[in-house]
Amino acid sequence: MQQTYAVIVEGKNDRYRIQQILPPTIPVYVTYGIPNHARLERLRKEAGLHQVIILTDQDAAGQRIRRLLREVFPDAINIYTKRSYNGVEHTPVEYLTQRFRRVGLIP
């Protein structure tokens, strides 16, 4: 069976940025900030059997969110943006495309 993927990001602007790159068949879920237990459980259910990819900002909040998500998704693939881009939503599409290519998500 072929592996399917789901991406988790922090905010709706991050989701919009990622949806410019990924095919529409790959779901992009949003934490809407630092998720509480109920939101983490909902993300776990939404992701289901997908291989999860975590992409958060490189600031303190983004790192905290990544730590929480890694507890729920210990086998997740982590993609990082540069701190100098000031968040996922401001990361150049070309840079994100390279990152997703490296993990085999897009050709």
C-alpha atoms as a PDB file:
ATOM      1  CA  MET A   1       0.000   0.000   0.000  1.00  0.00           C
ATOM      2  CA  GLN A   2       1.318   3.440  -0.935  1.00  0.00           C
ATOM      3  CA  GLN A   3       2.130   5.833   1.900  1.00  0.00           C
ATOM      4  CA  THR A   4      -0.198   8.823   2.218  1.00  0.00           C
ATOM      5  CA  TYR A   5       0.804  12.072   3.865  1.00  0.00           C
ATOM      6  CA  ALA A   6      -0.740  14.864   5.927  1.00  0.00           C
ATOM      7  CA  VAL A   7       0.939  18.131   6.877  1.00  0.00           C
ATOM      8  CA  ILE A   8       0.389  19.981  10.153  1.00  0.00           C
ATOM      9  CA  VAL A   9       1.122  23.720  10.379  1.00  0.00           C
ATOM     10  CA  GLU A  10       0.402  26.460  12.937  1.00  0.00           C
ATOM     11  CA  GLY A  11      -1.993  28.835  11.231  1.00  0.00           C
ATOM     12  CA  LYS A  12      -4.340  29.304   8.306  1.00  0.00           C
ATOM     13  CA  ASN A  13      -1.857  31.577   6.485  1.00  0.00           C
ATOM     14  CA  ASP A  14       0.721  28.786   6.765  1.00  0.00           C
ATOM     15  CA  ARG A  15      -1.831  26.362   5.325  1.00  0.00           C
ATOM     16  CA  TYR A  16      -2.522  28.722   2.430  1.00  0.00           C
ATOM     17  CA  ARG A  17       1.224  28.953   1.680  1.00  0.00           C
ATOM     18  CA  ILE A  18       1.633  25.163   1.738  1.00  0.00           C
ATOM     19  CA  GLN A  19      -1.449  24.571  -0.404  1.00  0.00           C
ATOM     20  CA  GLN A  20       0.222  26.621  -3.151  1.00  0.00           C
ATOM     21  CA  ILE A  21       2.845  23.884  -3.400  1.00  0.00           C
ATOM     22  CA  LEU A  22       1.229  20.571  -2.525  1.00  0.00           C
ATOM     23  CA  PRO A  23      -1.323  18.649  -4.551  1.00  0.00           C
ATOM     24  CA  PRO A  24      -4.885  19.033  -3.254  1.00  0.00           C
ATOM     25  CA  THR A  25      -4.947  15.340  -2.292  1.00  0.00           C
ATOM     26  CA  ILE A  26      -2.573  16.026   0.628  1.00  0.00           C
ATOM     27  CA  PRO A  27      -4.488  17.374   3.626  1.00  0.00           C
ATOM     28  CA  VAL A  28      -3.016  20.293   5.559  1.00  0.00           C
ATOM     29  CA  TYR A  29      -4.195  20.568   9.170  1.00  0.00           C
ATOM     30  CA  VAL A  30      -3.835  23.618  11.411  1.00  0.00           C
ATOM     31  CA  THR A  31      -3.065  23.787  15.141  1.00  0.00           C
ATOM     32  CA  TYR A  32      -4.392  27.378  15.442  1.00  0.00           C
ATOM     33  CA  GLY A  33      -1.652  28.252  17.907  1.00  0.00           C
ATOM     34  CA  ILE A  34      -0.508  26.160  20.826  1.00  0.00           C
ATOM     35  CA  PRO A  35      -2.932  23.221  20.876  1.00  0.00           C
ATOM     36  CA  ASN A  36      -4.609  21.976  24.017  1.00  0.00           C
ATOM     37  CA  HIS A  37      -5.242  18.290  24.719  1.00  0.00           C
ATOM     38  CA  ALA A  38      -8.579  18.279  22.868  1.00  0.00           C
ATOM     39  CA  ARG A  39      -7.074  19.900  19.777  1.00  0.00           C
ATOM     40  CA  LEU A  40      -4.152  17.447  19.786  1.00  0.00           C
ATOM     41  CA  GLU A  41      -6.608  14.552  19.976  1.00  0.00           C
ATOM     42  CA  ARG A  42      -8.610  16.013  17.093  1.00  0.00           C
ATOM     43  CA  LEU A  43      -5.446  16.370  14.979  1.00  0.00           C
ATOM     44  CA  ARG A  44      -4.555  12.757  15.766  1.00  0.00           C
ATOM     45  CA  LYS A  45      -7.964  11.612  14.557  1.00  0.00           C
ATOM     46  CA  GLU A  46      -7.869  13.835  11.466  1.00  0.00           C
ATOM     47  CA  ALA A  47      -4.424  12.587  10.472  1.00  0.00           C
ATOM     48  CA  GLY A  48      -5.563   8.990  10.886  1.00  0.00           C
ATOM     49  CA  LEU A  49      -3.144   6.613   9.186  1.00  0.00           C
ATOM     50  CA  HIS A  50      -1.335   9.317   7.206  1.00  0.00           C
ATOM     51  CA  GLN A  51       2.403   9.821   7.583  1.00  0.00           C
ATOM     52  CA  VAL A  52       2.475  13.199   9.341  1.00  0.00           C
ATOM     53  CA  ILE A  53       4.800  16.012   8.354  1.00  0.00           C
ATOM     54  CA  ILE A  54       5.258  18.801  10.904  1.00  0.00           C
ATOM     55  CA  LEU A  55       6.138  22.289   9.690  1.00  0.00           C
ATOM     56  CA  THR A  56       6.121  25.056  12.302  1.00  0.00           C
ATOM     57  CA  ASP A  57       7.811  28.420  12.703  1.00  0.00           C
ATOM     58  CA  GLN A  58      11.283  28.577  14.225  1.00  0.00           C
ATOM     59  CA  ASP A  59      10.213  30.914  17.035  1.00  0.00           C
ATOM     60  CA  ALA A  60       9.577  29.866  20.649  1.00  0.00           C
ATOM     61  CA  ALA A  61       5.872  29.181  20.081  1.00  0.00           C
ATOM     62  CA  GLY A  62       6.582  27.142  16.949  1.00  0.00           C
ATOM     63  CA  GLN A  63       9.171  25.060  18.751  1.00  0.00           C
ATOM     64  CA  ARG A  64       6.756  24.432  21.631  1.00  0.00           C
ATOM     65  CA  ILE A  65       4.035  23.381  19.178  1.00  0.00           C
ATOM     66  CA  ARG A  66       6.497  21.049  17.423  1.00  0.00           C
ATOM     67  CA  ARG A  67       7.394  19.412  20.771  1.00  0.00           C
ATOM     68  CA  LEU A  68       3.718  18.834  21.571  1.00  0.00           C
ATOM     69  CA  LEU A  69       3.051  17.413  18.107  1.00  0.00           C
ATOM     70  CA  ARG A  70       6.055  15.101  18.314  1.00  0.00           C
ATOM     71  CA  GLU A  71       4.580  13.554  21.468  1.00  0.00           C
ATOM     72  CA  VAL A  72       1.391  12.730  19.556  1.00  0.00           C
ATOM     73  CA  PHE A  73       3.185  11.850  16.296  1.00  0.00           C
ATOM     74  CA  PRO A  74       6.578  10.393  17.310  1.00  0.00           C
ATOM     75  CA  ASP A  75       7.205   9.056  13.790  1.00  0.00           C
ATOM     76  CA  ALA A  76       6.440  12.376  12.093  1.00  0.00           C
ATOM     77  CA  ILE A  77       8.744  13.864   9.509  1.00  0.00           C
ATOM     78  CA  ASN A  78       9.949  17.288  10.569  1.00  0.00           C
ATOM     79  CA  ILE A  79      10.494  20.021   8.016  1.00  0.00           C
ATOM     80  CA  TYR A  80      12.137  23.238   9.118  1.00  0.00           C
ATOM     81  CA  THR A  81      12.131  26.745   7.716  1.00  0.00           C
ATOM     82  CA  LYS A  82      14.844  29.295   8.343  1.00  0.00           C
ATOM     83  CA  ARG A  83      14.399  31.611  11.297  1.00  0.00           C
ATOM     84  CA  SER A  84      15.287  34.545   9.029  1.00  0.00           C
ATOM     85  CA  TYR A  85      12.110  33.958   6.969  1.00  0.00           C
ATOM     86  CA  ASN A  86       9.994  34.996   9.964  1.00  0.00           C
ATOM     87  CA  GLY A  87       7.594  32.074   9.834  1.00  0.00           C
ATOM     88  CA  VAL A  88       6.185  29.543   7.396  1.00  0.00           C
ATOM     89  CA  GLU A  89       3.780  32.023   5.812  1.00  0.00           C
ATOM     90  CA  HIS A  90       6.721  34.248   4.784  1.00  0.00           C
ATOM     91  CA  THR A  91       8.985  31.440   3.588  1.00  0.00           C
ATOM     92  CA  PRO A  92       9.597  31.581  -0.159  1.00  0.00           C
ATOM     93  CA  VAL A  93       7.622  29.010  -2.138  1.00  0.00           C
ATOM     94  CA  GLU A  94      10.847  27.854  -3.829  1.00  0.00           C
ATOM     95  CA  TYR A  95      12.447  27.045  -0.453  1.00  0.00           C
ATOM     96  CA  LEU A  96       9.388  25.121   0.740  1.00  0.00           C
ATOM     97  CA  THR A  97       9.222  23.251  -2.568  1.00  0.00           C
ATOM     98  CA  GLN A  98      12.819  22.097  -2.055  1.00  0.00           C
ATOM     99  CA  ARG A  99      11.995  20.885   1.451  1.00  0.00           C
ATOM    100  CA  PHE A 100       8.955  18.912   0.315  1.00  0.00           C
ATOM    101  CA  ARG A 101      10.935  17.411  -2.573  1.00  0.00           C
ATOM    102  CA  ARG A 102      13.591  16.176  -0.134  1.00  0.00           C
ATOM    103  CA  VAL A 103      11.024  14.102   1.727  1.00  0.00           C
ATOM    104  CA  GLY A 104       9.493  12.867  -1.543  1.00  0.00           C
ATOM    105  CA  LEU A 105       6.173  14.618  -1.160  1.00  0.00           C
ATOM    106  CA  ILE A 106       6.333  16.286  -4.566  1.00  0.00           C
ATOM    107  CA  PRO A 107       8.284  15.360  -7.695  1.00  0.00           C
END
